[in-house]
Amino acid sequence: MPQKQEYLVYKDVDIIGYDIAGTPTLNVRDFCSQRIECVAYNQMGWAKSSVAKTTQTKGVYLYVKRKYKLQNIPDTNQTLSISEPSSLIPCNLEFNENEPIDIVYTWVNWTAPSYIAQMRANNILYGNKKESKMNYETPASLNSYDELRYSIASLLRHKTRFRKIFVVINPIHGPPSWLNTSHPKIEIVPHSTLIDNVPTNNAWAICTFLQRIPGLGRWFIALNDDVILNRPLVINPKQIQCPHTEIVSTHCPTLRNTCLMRALEKHFEPRVQNIYAHRKKSTLSYRPDVVLWLEHHTWMVKHGHAKYEPSEVWFGLVNTNWWKQDLKWVQERWKSVIAKAEQSVWINFQGQGISWEYPKNFNVNVLFNEWIRRNKLDVAANEYEYILTLGSSSYESNDSKLATKNKDFNVGGTDRY
């Protein structure tokens, strides 16, 4: 029986628990259809073995096998149809090893005074539920966000071949002062260049519109600022290696075909518009109506253009959230976690003592900075093609103007959009 006749679709409904395999998967539609124990799945890649416990989660589409129809959900939520992307999307998927890829960073200085004021003025600083212990209202210095600098330095240190680095930003705070925005390989892309519904504090929305960047090359890798290249990068478009636990995440770097991403955005246009319409901070109480890169990878695998071969050698994680403050405990924990992460091509560093918006942890911060120095990611900028040149940015943000004038900060609305 065709899949579109087999499933009922529920909007803003999810199932708590009952996860098959315990992680998301690619091509979850076929995965569920081929297994008797699977009774439902959602667009985030999670297959479910029971519909016993449902919950409301904004953005989630829950696909339930017809014979397991939900009894406590109004029929009006069952009118959505399932539409699979065509197998004949006319994109050039050939990969030329001599053709440099593009790098696309998403970067937001959460604690820039101008950013905080703008988010407050638009009532989007927080999501539906406030995240505990996060410092989103603690202004920081102009150069507090060095993760992006270390990430770009890691690409340069390992002599990664790229055509351009695009940095997608909220222009209210501008790019970091150490980034040479006059360099021909650096391009700053304001959010308003890509979508009309700005400002936004929805990270899912920002990561969904990257393929819209004017002049973007045929292939690109999307990177968060807290992801560091740990060894020389070998590009293989026929191999998708993000671990199951990270395949949906915005943190795990994957190669994407620009044409295919744009075609999928058009196919899922109504859902994409719903993502753009949600401008508040994205938290666990919200999920995007579609994860375009998951659909990209699913399409590539389903139609024989790539294989999904998840590997922890591709992506390692150092997450210091909820770590203790005790020095000995932190040292032992760090030694264990970093030893495992260093086996990977990419390492994602996040959590307290690393990123400004998280709670402080002095001992973690010391160890993190020691690791950065040991890997020579804080070396003089002129060793790296003058891309990382302190104080060379030609882009003037509201914060830099205010710092120059040395006046109290007071801004709101959608200034500079």
Protein backbone atom coordinates (compact mmCIF):
# COMPACT_ATOMS: atom_id res chain seq x y z
CA MET A 1 0.00 0.00 0.00
CA PRO A 2 1.46 3.45 -0.87
CA GLN A 3 2.89 5.27 2.10
CA LYS A 4 0.63 8.32 1.67
CA GLN A 5 -2.40 6.06 2.21
CA GLU A 6 -0.85 4.16 5.09
CA TYR A 7 -0.18 7.06 7.44
CA LEU A 8 -2.25 9.67 9.19
CA VAL A 9 -0.46 12.95 9.89
CA TYR A 10 -0.75 14.98 13.08
CA LYS A 11 0.59 18.51 13.42
CA ASP A 12 2.26 19.77 16.62
CA VAL A 13 2.00 16.30 18.18
CA ASP A 14 4.83 14.02 19.28
CA ILE A 15 5.28 10.82 21.26
CA ILE A 16 7.21 10.76 24.53
CA GLY A 17 9.61 7.82 24.62
CA TYR A 18 9.20 4.53 22.74
CA ASP A 19 12.15 5.39 20.48
CA ILE A 20 13.25 2.56 18.21
CA ALA A 21 17.07 2.24 18.20
CA GLY A 22 17.30 5.16 20.62
CA THR A 23 18.48 7.65 17.98
CA PRO A 24 17.19 9.41 14.85
CA THR A 25 17.81 7.78 11.47
CA LEU A 26 17.97 8.73 7.82
CA ASN A 27 15.10 7.73 5.53
CA VAL A 28 12.84 7.20 8.53
CA ARG A 29 9.77 6.80 6.30
CA ASP A 30 11.06 3.59 4.74
CA PHE A 31 12.61 2.51 8.05
CA CYS A 32 9.21 2.61 9.73
CA SER A 33 7.27 1.15 6.81
CA GLN A 34 9.50 -1.90 6.73
CA ARG A 35 9.21 -2.72 10.43
CA ILE A 36 6.21 -4.24 12.18
CA GLU A 37 7.30 -2.84 15.54
CA CYS A 38 7.27 0.72 14.18
CA VAL A 39 3.87 2.38 14.53
CA ALA A 40 4.82 6.02 13.93
CA TYR A 41 7.65 8.43 13.14
CA ASN A 42 8.26 12.17 13.08
CA GLN A 43 10.09 14.49 10.68
CA MET A 44 13.05 14.70 13.07
CA GLY A 45 14.00 11.12 12.17
CA TRP A 46 12.62 9.37 15.26
CA ALA A 47 10.77 6.05 14.80
CA LYS A 48 8.29 5.06 17.53
CA SER A 49 7.06 1.68 18.78
CA SER A 50 3.94 2.96 20.58
CA VAL A 51 1.46 5.84 20.56
CA ALA A 52 0.60 5.40 24.23
CA LYS A 53 1.95 8.75 25.40
CA THR A 54 1.53 11.81 23.18
CA THR A 55 2.45 15.42 23.86
CA GLN A 56 2.06 18.78 22.16
CA THR A 57 5.32 20.03 20.62
CA LYS A 58 5.17 22.97 18.23
CA GLY A 59 6.54 22.19 14.78
CA VAL A 60 6.44 18.38 14.98
CA TYR A 61 4.71 16.33 12.30
CA LEU A 62 3.81 12.89 13.59
CA TYR A 63 3.10 10.18 11.00
CA VAL A 64 1.01 7.34 12.47
CA LYS A 65 0.13 4.06 10.73
CA ARG A 66 -3.58 4.14 10.04
CA LYS A 67 -4.51 1.22 12.28
CA TYR A 68 -2.91 3.05 15.24
CA LYS A 69 -5.04 6.18 14.77
CA LEU A 70 -4.80 8.51 17.77
CA GLN A 71 -8.05 8.59 19.69
CA ASN A 72 -7.44 11.75 21.68
CA ILE A 73 -6.52 14.06 18.80
CA PRO A 74 -9.22 15.92 16.80
CA ASP A 75 -9.76 14.74 13.24
CA THR A 76 -8.91 18.21 11.95
CA ASN A 77 -5.25 17.39 12.65
CA GLN A 78 -5.37 14.49 10.19
CA THR A 79 -5.90 16.36 6.94
CA LEU A 80 -2.26 16.79 5.94
CA SER A 81 -0.93 14.71 3.06
CA ILE A 82 2.47 13.07 2.74
CA SER A 83 4.40 14.19 -0.28
CA GLU A 84 7.79 12.71 -1.08
CA PRO A 85 10.33 14.78 -3.04
CA SER A 86 10.70 13.64 -6.64
CA SER A 87 13.50 11.22 -7.47
CA LEU A 88 14.14 13.27 -10.63
CA ILE A 89 15.33 16.55 -9.13
CA PRO A 90 17.50 18.05 -11.91
CA CYS A 91 20.68 18.89 -9.99
CA ASN A 92 24.31 18.33 -10.89
CA LEU A 93 25.57 16.04 -8.14
CA GLU A 94 28.99 15.40 -9.64
CA PHE A 95 31.84 16.33 -7.33
CA ASN A 96 35.12 17.60 -8.71
CA GLU A 97 37.95 17.10 -6.21
CA ASN A 98 39.74 20.09 -7.76
CA GLU A 99 36.76 22.35 -7.17
CA PRO A 100 37.03 24.03 -3.74
CA ILE A 101 33.92 23.93 -1.59
CA ASP A 102 32.36 26.84 0.26
CA ILE A 103 32.20 27.13 4.04
CA VAL A 104 29.12 28.68 5.63
CA TYR A 105 29.18 29.75 9.26
CA THR A 106 26.17 30.82 11.29
CA TRP A 107 27.34 33.23 13.97
CA VAL A 108 25.41 35.19 16.57
CA ASN A 109 26.91 37.15 19.43
CA TRP A 110 24.18 36.33 21.94
CA THR A 111 25.56 38.74 24.52
CA ALA A 112 26.20 41.84 22.42
CA PRO A 113 24.30 44.72 24.09
CA SER A 114 22.70 45.67 20.78
CA TYR A 115 21.52 42.10 20.19
CA ILE A 116 20.01 41.77 23.67
CA ALA A 117 18.18 45.09 23.24
CA GLN A 118 16.88 44.14 19.81
CA MET A 119 15.63 40.75 20.96
CA ARG A 120 13.92 42.34 23.97
CA ALA A 121 12.28 45.00 21.81
CA ASN A 122 10.85 42.31 19.54
CA ASN A 123 9.88 40.00 22.44
CA ILE A 124 11.92 37.12 21.00
CA LEU A 125 14.84 36.90 23.44
CA TYR A 126 13.43 33.69 24.92
CA GLY A 127 11.38 30.81 23.61
CA ASN A 128 8.11 29.55 25.01
CA LYS A 129 10.05 28.29 28.01
CA LYS A 130 13.03 30.10 29.53
CA GLU A 131 16.21 28.03 29.65
CA SER A 132 17.61 27.77 33.15
CA LYS A 133 21.09 29.04 33.97
CA MET A 134 21.68 30.63 30.54
CA ASN A 135 23.26 34.10 30.36
CA TYR A 136 21.35 35.58 27.43
CA GLU A 137 20.97 38.90 29.23
CA THR A 138 24.57 39.25 30.40
CA PRO A 139 26.37 41.72 28.10
CA ALA A 140 29.87 40.66 27.13
CA SER A 141 32.90 42.41 25.69
CA LEU A 142 33.14 42.83 21.92
CA ASN A 143 35.57 39.92 21.58
CA SER A 144 34.04 37.44 23.99
CA TYR A 145 33.08 35.06 21.20
CA ASP A 146 36.40 33.58 20.10
CA GLU A 147 34.96 30.18 19.15
CA LEU A 148 34.52 31.36 15.55
CA ARG A 149 38.12 32.54 15.43
CA TYR A 150 39.38 29.18 16.63
CA SER A 151 37.14 27.36 14.16
CA ILE A 152 38.35 29.37 11.15
CA ALA A 153 41.94 29.04 12.40
CA SER A 154 41.51 25.26 12.48
CA LEU A 155 40.47 25.24 8.81
CA LEU A 156 43.50 27.29 7.88
CA ARG A 157 45.88 25.33 10.06
CA HIS A 158 44.89 22.08 8.32
CA LYS A 159 45.16 23.74 4.90
CA THR A 160 41.53 23.13 4.00
CA ARG A 161 40.81 23.97 0.36
CA PHE A 162 37.82 26.28 0.16
CA ARG A 163 36.61 28.91 -2.28
CA LYS A 164 34.96 31.24 0.21
CA ILE A 165 33.92 31.54 3.83
CA PHE A 166 30.45 33.02 4.25
CA VAL A 167 29.57 34.25 7.74
CA VAL A 168 25.81 34.65 8.23
CA ILE A 169 25.07 37.20 10.95
CA ASN A 170 22.55 39.48 12.57
CA PRO A 171 23.93 42.86 11.43
CA ILE A 172 22.89 44.57 14.67
CA HIS A 173 26.21 43.51 16.21
CA GLY A 174 28.25 42.96 13.06
CA PRO A 175 31.08 40.45 12.62
CA PRO A 176 33.87 40.03 15.19
CA SER A 177 36.51 42.75 15.11
CA TRP A 178 39.33 40.31 14.42
CA LEU A 179 37.84 39.06 11.13
CA ASN A 180 39.29 40.67 8.02
CA THR A 181 36.05 41.31 6.15
CA SER A 182 38.00 42.93 3.29
CA HIS A 183 39.67 39.62 2.45
CA PRO A 184 38.39 38.26 -0.91
CA LYS A 185 37.65 34.88 0.66
CA ILE A 186 35.44 36.34 3.40
CA GLU A 187 31.84 37.44 2.82
CA ILE A 188 29.46 38.71 5.49
CA VAL A 189 25.81 37.81 4.86
CA PRO A 190 23.11 39.63 6.90
CA HIS A 191 20.00 37.63 7.76
CA SER A 192 17.88 40.17 5.87
CA THR A 193 19.65 39.20 2.63
CA LEU A 194 18.09 35.75 2.91
CA ILE A 195 14.68 36.20 4.57
CA ASP A 196 12.21 39.02 5.13
CA ASN A 197 10.97 38.01 8.58
CA VAL A 198 13.76 39.58 10.64
CA PRO A 199 15.08 39.88 13.23
CA THR A 200 14.89 36.25 14.29
CA ASN A 201 16.25 34.38 17.28
CA ASN A 202 15.31 30.97 15.87
CA ALA A 203 18.51 29.03 15.17
CA TRP A 204 16.54 26.43 13.17
CA ALA A 205 15.34 29.20 10.83
CA ILE A 206 18.85 30.57 10.35
CA CYS A 207 20.24 27.12 9.51
CA THR A 208 17.35 26.44 7.12
CA PHE A 209 17.99 29.36 4.74
CA LEU A 210 21.75 29.00 4.10
CA GLN A 211 21.29 27.70 0.54
CA ARG A 212 19.76 31.09 -0.34
CA ILE A 213 23.13 32.85 -0.08
CA PRO A 214 23.79 34.72 -3.36
CA GLY A 215 26.85 33.41 -5.16
CA LEU A 216 27.09 30.23 -3.08
CA GLY A 217 29.06 27.46 -4.82
CA ARG A 218 27.70 24.07 -5.90
CA TRP A 219 28.75 22.35 -2.67
CA PHE A 220 29.05 23.79 0.82
CA ILE A 221 29.67 22.70 4.39
CA ALA A 222 27.54 24.36 7.07
CA LEU A 223 29.39 24.99 10.33
CA ASN A 224 28.51 26.29 13.76
CA ASP A 225 31.11 28.56 15.31
CA ASP A 226 31.86 26.08 18.11
CA VAL A 227 33.02 23.27 15.80
CA ILE A 228 36.78 22.84 15.29
CA LEU A 229 38.56 20.86 12.59
CA ASN A 230 40.91 18.47 14.36
CA ARG A 231 42.74 16.95 11.40
CA PRO A 232 43.04 17.41 7.60
CA LEU A 233 39.64 17.25 5.93
CA VAL A 234 38.91 14.71 3.21
CA ILE A 235 35.70 15.44 1.29
CA ASN A 236 33.61 12.51 0.06
CA PRO A 237 30.11 13.49 -1.15
CA LYS A 238 29.11 9.83 -1.38
CA GLN A 239 29.59 9.31 2.34
CA ILE A 240 27.47 10.81 5.14
CA GLN A 241 29.19 10.14 8.44
CA CYS A 242 27.42 12.08 11.20
CA PRO A 243 26.61 9.74 14.13
CA HIS A 244 22.95 8.82 14.57
CA THR A 245 22.76 11.02 17.66
CA GLU A 246 23.91 14.08 15.66
CA ILE A 247 22.39 13.59 12.19
CA VAL A 248 19.59 16.07 12.91
CA SER A 249 21.80 18.46 14.86
CA THR A 250 23.03 21.75 13.44
CA HIS A 251 26.47 21.02 14.91
CA CYS A 252 27.65 18.02 12.87
CA PRO A 253 29.28 19.25 9.63
CA THR A 254 27.94 17.71 6.43
CA LEU A 255 28.47 18.44 2.76
CA ARG A 256 25.38 19.81 1.05
CA ASN A 257 24.52 20.35 -2.60
CA THR A 258 23.19 23.87 -3.06
CA CYS A 259 20.88 23.01 -5.95
CA LEU A 260 19.34 20.05 -4.10
CA MET A 261 18.86 22.09 -0.93
CA ARG A 262 17.07 24.80 -2.91
CA ALA A 263 14.85 22.22 -4.64
CA LEU A 264 13.92 20.66 -1.30
CA GLU A 265 13.18 24.08 0.17
CA LYS A 266 10.75 24.68 -2.71
CA HIS A 267 9.17 21.24 -2.22
CA PHE A 268 8.62 21.84 1.49
CA GLU A 269 7.83 25.55 1.09
CA PRO A 270 4.77 25.73 3.38
CA ARG A 271 6.70 24.04 6.19
CA VAL A 272 9.75 26.21 5.60
CA GLN A 273 7.58 29.33 5.88
CA ASN A 274 6.34 28.07 9.25
CA ILE A 275 9.96 27.86 10.43
CA TYR A 276 10.68 31.41 9.32
CA ALA A 277 7.52 32.62 11.03
CA HIS A 278 8.77 31.34 14.40
CA ARG A 279 11.16 34.10 15.52
CA LYS A 280 11.54 33.35 19.22
CA LYS A 281 14.55 31.58 20.70
CA SER A 282 14.45 27.93 19.66
CA THR A 283 14.31 25.62 22.70
CA LEU A 284 13.37 22.01 23.37
CA SER A 285 9.69 22.99 23.36
CA TYR A 286 9.94 23.82 19.64
CA ARG A 287 10.91 21.74 16.61
CA PRO A 288 11.19 22.90 12.97
CA ASP A 289 8.44 21.75 10.60
CA VAL A 290 11.11 20.21 8.37
CA VAL A 291 14.86 19.60 8.75
CA LEU A 292 16.07 20.37 5.24
CA TRP A 293 19.55 18.88 5.63
CA LEU A 294 18.03 15.64 6.95
CA GLU A 295 15.78 15.58 3.88
CA HIS A 296 18.89 16.28 1.73
CA HIS A 297 20.80 13.36 3.18
CA THR A 298 17.75 11.08 3.01
CA TRP A 299 17.25 11.93 -0.67
CA MET A 300 20.94 11.35 -1.48
CA VAL A 301 20.91 7.94 0.21
CA LYS A 302 17.48 6.84 -1.02
CA HIS A 303 18.35 7.55 -4.65
CA GLY A 304 21.82 6.02 -4.61
CA HIS A 305 23.96 9.15 -4.57
CA ALA A 306 25.45 8.51 -1.12
CA LYS A 307 25.68 5.99 1.71
CA TYR A 308 24.99 6.65 5.35
CA GLU A 309 27.98 5.38 7.33
CA PRO A 310 27.74 6.98 10.81
CA SER A 311 31.06 7.25 12.58
CA GLU A 312 32.35 8.82 15.78
CA VAL A 313 35.63 9.28 13.92
CA TRP A 314 33.86 11.99 11.93
CA PHE A 315 32.40 13.96 14.84
CA GLY A 316 33.37 14.21 18.50
CA LEU A 317 31.63 16.14 21.27
CA VAL A 318 32.97 17.93 24.33
CA ASN A 319 29.88 19.08 26.24
CA THR A 320 30.62 20.53 29.67
CA ASN A 321 27.03 21.26 30.66
CA TRP A 322 26.28 20.25 34.24
CA TRP A 323 29.96 19.63 35.03
CA LYS A 324 31.07 20.09 38.63
CA GLN A 325 33.30 22.97 39.74
CA ASP A 326 35.75 20.72 41.61
CA LEU A 327 39.23 20.96 40.07
CA LYS A 328 40.20 17.29 40.36
CA TRP A 329 36.83 16.10 39.05
CA VAL A 330 37.02 18.48 36.07
CA GLN A 331 40.60 17.46 35.25
CA GLU A 332 39.75 13.75 35.24
CA ARG A 333 36.56 14.25 33.28
CA TRP A 334 38.27 16.50 30.74
CA LYS A 335 41.09 14.03 30.21
CA SER A 336 38.61 11.25 29.44
CA VAL A 337 36.29 13.27 27.21
CA ILE A 338 39.00 15.05 25.21
CA ALA A 339 40.90 11.79 24.60
CA LYS A 340 37.83 10.34 22.91
CA ALA A 341 36.97 13.53 21.02
CA GLU A 342 40.50 13.92 19.64
CA GLN A 343 40.04 10.74 17.63
CA SER A 344 37.52 12.62 15.45
CA VAL A 345 37.87 14.84 12.39
CA TRP A 346 35.60 17.49 13.90
CA ILE A 347 35.15 18.42 17.56
CA ASN A 348 32.22 20.37 18.90
CA PHE A 349 33.04 22.29 22.11
CA GLN A 350 30.04 23.60 24.04
CA GLY A 351 28.93 24.29 27.56
CA GLN A 352 29.97 26.07 30.73
CA GLY A 353 33.49 27.45 30.82
CA ILE A 354 33.62 27.48 27.00
CA SER A 355 30.80 29.66 25.67
CA TRP A 356 29.90 32.97 27.27
CA GLU A 357 26.15 32.36 27.48
CA TYR A 358 26.62 29.25 29.64
CA PRO A 359 27.35 29.33 33.38
CA LYS A 360 30.95 30.01 34.31
CA ASN A 361 33.37 27.22 35.18
CA PHE A 362 36.89 28.49 35.74
CA ASN A 363 38.56 25.07 35.67
CA VAL A 364 36.91 24.10 32.38
CA ASN A 365 37.91 27.44 30.87
CA VAL A 366 41.55 26.92 31.82
CA LEU A 367 41.66 23.45 30.27
CA PHE A 368 39.86 24.58 27.12
CA ASN A 369 42.28 27.45 26.57
CA GLU A 370 45.25 25.17 27.21
CA TRP A 371 43.90 22.85 24.51
CA ILE A 372 43.51 25.79 22.10
CA ARG A 373 47.11 26.89 22.70
CA ARG A 374 48.48 23.36 22.42
CA ASN A 375 46.81 23.04 19.02
CA LYS A 376 48.14 26.45 17.93
CA LEU A 377 44.73 27.93 17.24
CA ASP A 378 45.58 31.21 18.97
CA VAL A 379 48.70 31.99 16.93
CA ALA A 380 49.40 35.31 15.26
CA ALA A 381 46.81 36.08 12.60
CA ASN A 382 49.34 36.89 9.91
CA GLU A 383 50.26 33.21 9.69
CA TYR A 384 46.78 32.58 8.31
CA GLU A 385 46.56 34.51 5.03
CA TYR A 386 45.52 37.69 6.87
CA ILE A 387 41.99 36.35 7.23
CA LEU A 388 42.25 36.55 11.01
CA THR A 389 43.72 40.00 11.46
CA LEU A 390 42.91 41.60 14.78
CA GLY A 391 41.19 44.93 14.40
CA SER A 392 41.00 44.76 10.60
CA SER A 393 37.24 44.41 10.17
CA SER A 394 35.82 46.98 7.77
CA TYR A 395 32.29 46.31 9.01
CA GLU A 396 31.04 48.69 11.68
CA SER A 397 28.34 47.41 14.01
CA ASN A 398 26.19 49.31 16.48
CA ASP A 399 28.26 47.92 19.35
CA SER A 400 31.58 49.03 17.85
CA LYS A 401 30.18 52.53 17.29
CA LEU A 402 28.99 52.70 20.86
CA ALA A 403 32.28 51.39 22.18
CA THR A 404 34.08 54.12 20.25
CA LYS A 405 31.76 56.81 21.60
CA ASN A 406 31.95 55.29 25.08
CA LYS A 407 28.28 56.04 25.72
CA ASP A 408 25.57 54.05 27.43
CA PHE A 409 23.82 51.63 25.10
CA ASN A 410 20.13 52.06 24.31
CA VAL A 411 18.72 50.58 21.10
CA GLY A 412 15.66 48.57 20.17
CA GLY A 413 13.45 47.58 17.28
CA THR A 414 14.94 46.24 14.06
CA ASP A 415 17.77 48.75 13.64
CA ARG A 416 20.17 48.12 10.72
CA TYR A 417 17.86 45.64 9.05
